[in-house]
């Protein structure tokens, strides 16, 4: 289930309050500055800092390649 476009415009990282990258097909929001991925469960973003996953270098690089390819939507825009 895709996130509502109005929600994408306002959702921010709970830690640094910055924008996130939304990967609809992976049901995740990603903060590349902190390398933290937030899951989306049943269409609801889980925006609790303690439930975010910290990504390693290779996973960060993979997601950033997808961002460059246009496969993600930036929040707060």
C-alpha atoms as a PDB file:
ATOM      1  CA  UNK A   1       0.000   0.000   0.000  1.00  0.00           C
ATOM      2  CA  UNK A   2       1.534   3.288  -1.144  1.00  0.00           C
ATOM      3  CA  UNK A   3       1.818   6.253   1.190  1.00  0.00           C
ATOM      4  CA  UNK A   4      -0.579   9.124   0.705  1.00  0.00           C
ATOM      5  CA  UNK A   5       1.039  11.932  -1.338  1.00  0.00           C
ATOM      6  CA  UNK A   6       0.013  14.532   1.265  1.00  0.00           C
ATOM      7  CA  UNK A   7       1.830  12.538   3.947  1.00  0.00           C
ATOM      8  CA  UNK A   8       4.962  12.345   1.794  1.00  0.00           C
ATOM      9  CA  UNK A   9       4.993  16.157   1.659  1.00  0.00           C
ATOM     10  CA  UNK A  10       5.173  16.503   5.460  1.00  0.00           C
ATOM     11  CA  UNK A  11       6.930  13.437   6.874  1.00  0.00           C
ATOM     12  CA  UNK A  12      10.436  13.987   8.274  1.00  0.00           C
ATOM     13  CA  UNK A  13      13.106  12.029  10.104  1.00  0.00           C
ATOM     14  CA  UNK A  14      12.339  11.954  13.842  1.00  0.00           C
ATOM     15  CA  UNK A  15      16.034  12.327  14.661  1.00  0.00           C
ATOM     16  CA  UNK A  16      17.326  15.184  12.506  1.00  0.00           C
ATOM     17  CA  UNK A  17      13.958  16.511  11.224  1.00  0.00           C
ATOM     18  CA  UNK A  18      15.252  16.413   7.639  1.00  0.00           C
ATOM     19  CA  UNK A  19      13.785  14.943   4.490  1.00  0.00           C
ATOM     20  CA  UNK A  20      13.665  11.239   3.738  1.00  0.00           C
ATOM     21  CA  UNK A  21      13.750   9.169   0.585  1.00  0.00           C
ATOM     22  CA  UNK A  22      10.598   7.116   0.021  1.00  0.00           C
ATOM     23  CA  UNK A  23      10.996   3.754  -1.703  1.00  0.00           C
ATOM     24  CA  UNK A  24       7.472   2.591  -2.445  1.00  0.00           C
ATOM     25  CA  UNK A  25       8.486  -0.856  -3.725  1.00  0.00           C
ATOM     26  CA  UNK A  26      10.568  -1.535  -0.586  1.00  0.00           C
ATOM     27  CA  UNK A  27       7.972  -0.053   1.772  1.00  0.00           C
ATOM     28  CA  UNK A  28      10.632   2.066   3.456  1.00  0.00           C
ATOM     29  CA  UNK A  29      11.726   5.617   4.168  1.00  0.00           C
ATOM     30  CA  UNK A  30      15.459   6.289   4.235  1.00  0.00           C
ATOM     31  CA  UNK A  31      17.593   9.041   5.743  1.00  0.00           C
ATOM     32  CA  UNK A  32      20.879   8.994   3.797  1.00  0.00           C
ATOM     33  CA  UNK A  33      22.491  11.531   6.150  1.00  0.00           C
ATOM     34  CA  UNK A  34      22.167   9.190   9.143  1.00  0.00           C
ATOM     35  CA  UNK A  35      21.931   5.958   7.132  1.00  0.00           C
ATOM     36  CA  UNK A  36      18.706   5.022   8.900  1.00  0.00           C
ATOM     37  CA  UNK A  37      15.826   3.155   7.262  1.00  0.00           C
ATOM     38  CA  UNK A  38      12.295   3.330   8.649  1.00  0.00           C
ATOM     39  CA  UNK A  39       9.877   0.532   7.738  1.00  0.00           C
ATOM     40  CA  UNK A  40       6.348   1.044   6.485  1.00  0.00           C
ATOM     41  CA  UNK A  41       3.980  -1.581   7.883  1.00  0.00           C
ATOM     42  CA  UNK A  42       0.421  -1.946   6.618  1.00  0.00           C
ATOM     43  CA  UNK A  43       0.731   1.456   4.972  1.00  0.00           C
ATOM     44  CA  UNK A  44       1.850   3.170   8.200  1.00  0.00           C
ATOM     45  CA  UNK A  45       5.392   4.560   8.545  1.00  0.00           C
ATOM     46  CA  UNK A  46       7.076   3.377  11.739  1.00  0.00           C
ATOM     47  CA  UNK A  47       8.864   6.581  12.684  1.00  0.00           C
ATOM     48  CA  UNK A  48      10.326   5.508  16.022  1.00  0.00           C
ATOM     49  CA  UNK A  49      14.061   6.125  16.178  1.00  0.00           C
ATOM     50  CA  UNK A  50      14.671   2.939  18.153  1.00  0.00           C
ATOM     51  CA  UNK A  51      12.970   0.844  15.449  1.00  0.00           C
ATOM     52  CA  UNK A  52      14.959   2.303  12.551  1.00  0.00           C
ATOM     53  CA  UNK A  53      17.583   0.105  10.934  1.00  0.00           C
ATOM     54  CA  UNK A  54      21.132   1.435  10.541  1.00  0.00           C
ATOM     55  CA  UNK A  55      22.459   0.471   7.118  1.00  0.00           C
ATOM     56  CA  UNK A  56      25.951  -0.591   6.161  1.00  0.00           C
ATOM     57  CA  UNK A  57      27.965   1.000   3.358  1.00  0.00           C
ATOM     58  CA  UNK A  58      26.876  -1.408   0.634  1.00  0.00           C
ATOM     59  CA  UNK A  59      23.163  -1.040   1.361  1.00  0.00           C
ATOM     60  CA  UNK A  60      23.528   2.748   1.554  1.00  0.00           C
ATOM     61  CA  UNK A  61      25.292   2.735  -1.825  1.00  0.00           C
ATOM     62  CA  UNK A  62      22.561   0.558  -3.351  1.00  0.00           C
ATOM     63  CA  UNK A  63      19.837   2.917  -2.197  1.00  0.00           C
ATOM     64  CA  UNK A  64      21.732   5.990  -3.342  1.00  0.00           C
ATOM     65  CA  UNK A  65      22.074   4.477  -6.822  1.00  0.00           C
ATOM     66  CA  UNK A  66      18.307   4.037  -6.829  1.00  0.00           C
ATOM     67  CA  UNK A  67      17.878   7.677  -5.755  1.00  0.00           C
ATOM     68  CA  UNK A  68      20.105   8.805  -8.649  1.00  0.00           C
ATOM     69  CA  UNK A  69      18.046   6.636 -11.024  1.00  0.00           C
ATOM     70  CA  UNK A  70      14.853   8.360  -9.887  1.00  0.00           C
ATOM     71  CA  UNK A  71      13.455   5.354  -8.024  1.00  0.00           C
ATOM     72  CA  UNK A  72      12.718   7.298  -4.836  1.00  0.00           C
ATOM     73  CA  UNK A  73      10.602  10.285  -3.838  1.00  0.00           C
ATOM     74  CA  UNK A  74      11.998  12.947  -1.487  1.00  0.00           C
ATOM     75  CA  UNK A  75       9.757  13.914   1.406  1.00  0.00           C
ATOM     76  CA  UNK A  76       9.227  17.525   2.507  1.00  0.00           C
ATOM     77  CA  UNK A  77       9.078  18.710  -1.097  1.00  0.00           C
END
